[in-house]
């Protein structure tokens, strides 16, 4: 029997554990929430697979529009702050004069 020679040098230093598995153990049985989440995820994937391609594309577009709308709504104060002029003063909104120009 032929033995192969080691191509990498043997480690001389000990390795330290970087995870905290020794202090925090994993559950042996899954929780009810994990089971319900798995079931809902399976149903969603099954429903998406039954959709036609135009419906899938429409769904993706709707999700993207909602995501962009949410991001704009969440950051509206920063966007409004960026609309100020360089001197730091906000530009007043135009007012409507019911009598017209004089």
C-alpha atoms as a PDB file:
ATOM      1  CA  UNK A   1       0.000   0.000   0.000  1.00  0.00           C
ATOM      2  CA  UNK A   2       1.330   3.398  -1.023  1.00  0.00           C
ATOM      3  CA  UNK A   3       0.934   6.358   1.283  1.00  0.00           C
ATOM      4  CA  UNK A   4       0.882   9.869  -0.070  1.00  0.00           C
ATOM      5  CA  UNK A   5       3.157  12.472   1.409  1.00  0.00           C
ATOM      6  CA  UNK A   6       1.569  15.455   3.112  1.00  0.00           C
ATOM      7  CA  UNK A   7       1.652  18.470   0.795  1.00  0.00           C
ATOM      8  CA  UNK A   8       0.717  21.100   3.364  1.00  0.00           C
ATOM      9  CA  UNK A   9       2.671  21.671   6.559  1.00  0.00           C
ATOM     10  CA  UNK A  10       1.159  20.497   9.806  1.00  0.00           C
ATOM     11  CA  UNK A  11      -0.402  23.247  11.916  1.00  0.00           C
ATOM     12  CA  UNK A  12       1.461  23.974  15.071  1.00  0.00           C
ATOM     13  CA  UNK A  13      -0.924  26.535  16.538  1.00  0.00           C
ATOM     14  CA  UNK A  14      -4.250  25.692  18.087  1.00  0.00           C
ATOM     15  CA  UNK A  15      -7.427  27.035  16.563  1.00  0.00           C
ATOM     16  CA  UNK A  16      -9.798  29.090  18.648  1.00  0.00           C
ATOM     17  CA  UNK A  17     -13.535  28.851  18.288  1.00  0.00           C
ATOM     18  CA  UNK A  18     -15.092  31.972  16.847  1.00  0.00           C
ATOM     19  CA  UNK A  19     -18.714  31.002  17.328  1.00  0.00           C
ATOM     20  CA  UNK A  20     -20.672  30.929  20.528  1.00  0.00           C
ATOM     21  CA  UNK A  21     -22.106  27.438  20.093  1.00  0.00           C
ATOM     22  CA  UNK A  22     -20.620  26.379  23.412  1.00  0.00           C
ATOM     23  CA  UNK A  23     -22.675  28.944  25.319  1.00  0.00           C
ATOM     24  CA  UNK A  24     -25.855  28.899  23.238  1.00  0.00           C
ATOM     25  CA  UNK A  25     -27.271  25.595  22.102  1.00  0.00           C
ATOM     26  CA  UNK A  26     -29.604  25.026  19.182  1.00  0.00           C
ATOM     27  CA  UNK A  27     -33.144  23.803  19.812  1.00  0.00           C
ATOM     28  CA  UNK A  28     -33.705  20.122  19.118  1.00  0.00           C
ATOM     29  CA  UNK A  29     -37.336  20.542  18.100  1.00  0.00           C
ATOM     30  CA  UNK A  30     -38.550  23.322  15.809  1.00  0.00           C
ATOM     31  CA  UNK A  31     -40.945  25.910  17.180  1.00  0.00           C
ATOM     32  CA  UNK A  32     -44.528  26.341  16.042  1.00  0.00           C
ATOM     33  CA  UNK A  33     -43.588  29.629  14.393  1.00  0.00           C
ATOM     34  CA  UNK A  34     -40.925  27.887  12.313  1.00  0.00           C
ATOM     35  CA  UNK A  35     -43.429  25.283  11.188  1.00  0.00           C
ATOM     36  CA  UNK A  36     -46.048  27.889  10.275  1.00  0.00           C
ATOM     37  CA  UNK A  37     -43.434  29.958   8.431  1.00  0.00           C
ATOM     38  CA  UNK A  38     -42.347  26.934   6.442  1.00  0.00           C
ATOM     39  CA  UNK A  39     -45.937  26.105   5.523  1.00  0.00           C
ATOM     40  CA  UNK A  40     -46.736  29.668   4.453  1.00  0.00           C
ATOM     41  CA  UNK A  41     -43.528  29.869   2.427  1.00  0.00           C
ATOM     42  CA  UNK A  42     -44.364  26.615   0.666  1.00  0.00           C
ATOM     43  CA  UNK A  43     -47.849  27.876  -0.211  1.00  0.00           C
ATOM     44  CA  UNK A  44     -46.475  31.184  -1.530  1.00  0.00           C
ATOM     45  CA  UNK A  45     -43.916  29.437  -3.736  1.00  0.00           C
ATOM     46  CA  UNK A  46     -46.572  27.039  -5.052  1.00  0.00           C
ATOM     47  CA  UNK A  47     -48.881  29.959  -5.869  1.00  0.00           C
ATOM     48  CA  UNK A  48     -46.084  31.864  -7.623  1.00  0.00           C
ATOM     49  CA  UNK A  49     -45.209  28.841  -9.731  1.00  0.00           C
ATOM     50  CA  UNK A  50     -48.819  28.621 -10.960  1.00  0.00           C
ATOM     51  CA  UNK A  51     -48.896  32.256 -12.131  1.00  0.00           C
ATOM     52  CA  UNK A  52     -48.466  33.157 -15.781  1.00  0.00           C
ATOM     53  CA  UNK A  53     -45.395  35.131 -16.833  1.00  0.00           C
ATOM     54  CA  UNK A  54     -47.253  38.437 -17.297  1.00  0.00           C
ATOM     55  CA  UNK A  55     -48.711  38.067 -13.798  1.00  0.00           C
ATOM     56  CA  UNK A  56     -45.257  37.320 -12.356  1.00  0.00           C
ATOM     57  CA  UNK A  57     -43.774  40.370 -14.074  1.00  0.00           C
ATOM     58  CA  UNK A  58     -46.660  42.525 -12.843  1.00  0.00           C
ATOM     59  CA  UNK A  59     -46.146  41.257  -9.318  1.00  0.00           C
ATOM     60  CA  UNK A  60     -42.423  42.050  -9.437  1.00  0.00           C
ATOM     61  CA  UNK A  61     -43.152  45.558 -10.770  1.00  0.00           C
ATOM     62  CA  UNK A  62     -45.752  46.124  -8.037  1.00  0.00           C
ATOM     63  CA  UNK A  63     -43.304  45.021  -5.336  1.00  0.00           C
ATOM     64  CA  UNK A  64     -40.590  47.302  -6.740  1.00  0.00           C
ATOM     65  CA  UNK A  65     -42.957  50.300  -6.873  1.00  0.00           C
ATOM     66  CA  UNK A  66     -44.059  49.656  -3.289  1.00  0.00           C
ATOM     67  CA  UNK A  67     -40.432  49.317  -2.137  1.00  0.00           C
ATOM     68  CA  UNK A  68     -39.376  52.578  -3.806  1.00  0.00           C
ATOM     69  CA  UNK A  69     -42.444  54.330  -2.392  1.00  0.00           C
ATOM     70  CA  UNK A  70     -41.614  53.056   1.083  1.00  0.00           C
ATOM     71  CA  UNK A  71     -37.997  54.205   0.808  1.00  0.00           C
ATOM     72  CA  UNK A  72     -39.066  57.652  -0.375  1.00  0.00           C
ATOM     73  CA  UNK A  73     -41.641  57.937   2.428  1.00  0.00           C
ATOM     74  CA  UNK A  74     -39.175  56.799   5.075  1.00  0.00           C
ATOM     75  CA  UNK A  75     -36.474  59.234   3.930  1.00  0.00           C
ATOM     76  CA  UNK A  76     -38.780  62.163   3.169  1.00  0.00           C
ATOM     77  CA  UNK A  77     -37.171  64.419   5.775  1.00  0.00           C
ATOM     78  CA  UNK A  78     -33.712  63.883   4.300  1.00  0.00           C
ATOM     79  CA  UNK A  79     -35.069  64.466   0.804  1.00  0.00           C
ATOM     80  CA  UNK A  80     -36.811  67.648   1.953  1.00  0.00           C
ATOM     81  CA  UNK A  81     -33.599  68.788   3.654  1.00  0.00           C
ATOM     82  CA  UNK A  82     -31.730  68.240   0.397  1.00  0.00           C
ATOM     83  CA  UNK A  83     -34.195  70.536  -1.402  1.00  0.00           C
ATOM     84  CA  UNK A  84     -32.963  73.598   0.494  1.00  0.00           C
ATOM     85  CA  UNK A  85     -30.848  76.122  -1.336  1.00  0.00           C
ATOM     86  CA  UNK A  86     -27.090  76.347  -0.632  1.00  0.00           C
ATOM     87  CA  UNK A  87     -27.527  79.185   1.871  1.00  0.00           C
ATOM     88  CA  UNK A  88     -29.522  76.866   4.089  1.00  0.00           C
ATOM     89  CA  UNK A  89     -32.836  78.668   3.656  1.00  0.00           C
ATOM     90  CA  UNK A  90     -35.825  76.832   2.306  1.00  0.00           C
ATOM     91  CA  UNK A  91     -37.485  78.190  -0.789  1.00  0.00           C
ATOM     92  CA  UNK A  92     -41.037  79.290  -0.028  1.00  0.00           C
ATOM     93  CA  UNK A  93     -43.834  77.508  -1.794  1.00  0.00           C
ATOM     94  CA  UNK A  94     -45.661  79.628  -4.366  1.00  0.00           C
ATOM     95  CA  UNK A  95     -48.968  80.945  -3.080  1.00  0.00           C
ATOM     96  CA  UNK A  96     -52.096  81.234  -5.164  1.00  0.00           C
ATOM     97  CA  UNK A  97     -53.464  84.759  -5.496  1.00  0.00           C
ATOM     98  CA  UNK A  98     -57.211  84.588  -6.247  1.00  0.00           C
ATOM     99  CA  UNK A  99     -57.299  88.202  -7.562  1.00  0.00           C
ATOM    100  CA  UNK A 100     -54.561  87.546 -10.099  1.00  0.00           C
ATOM    101  CA  UNK A 101     -51.489  89.679 -10.785  1.00  0.00           C
ATOM    102  CA  UNK A 102     -51.780  93.382 -10.011  1.00  0.00           C
END
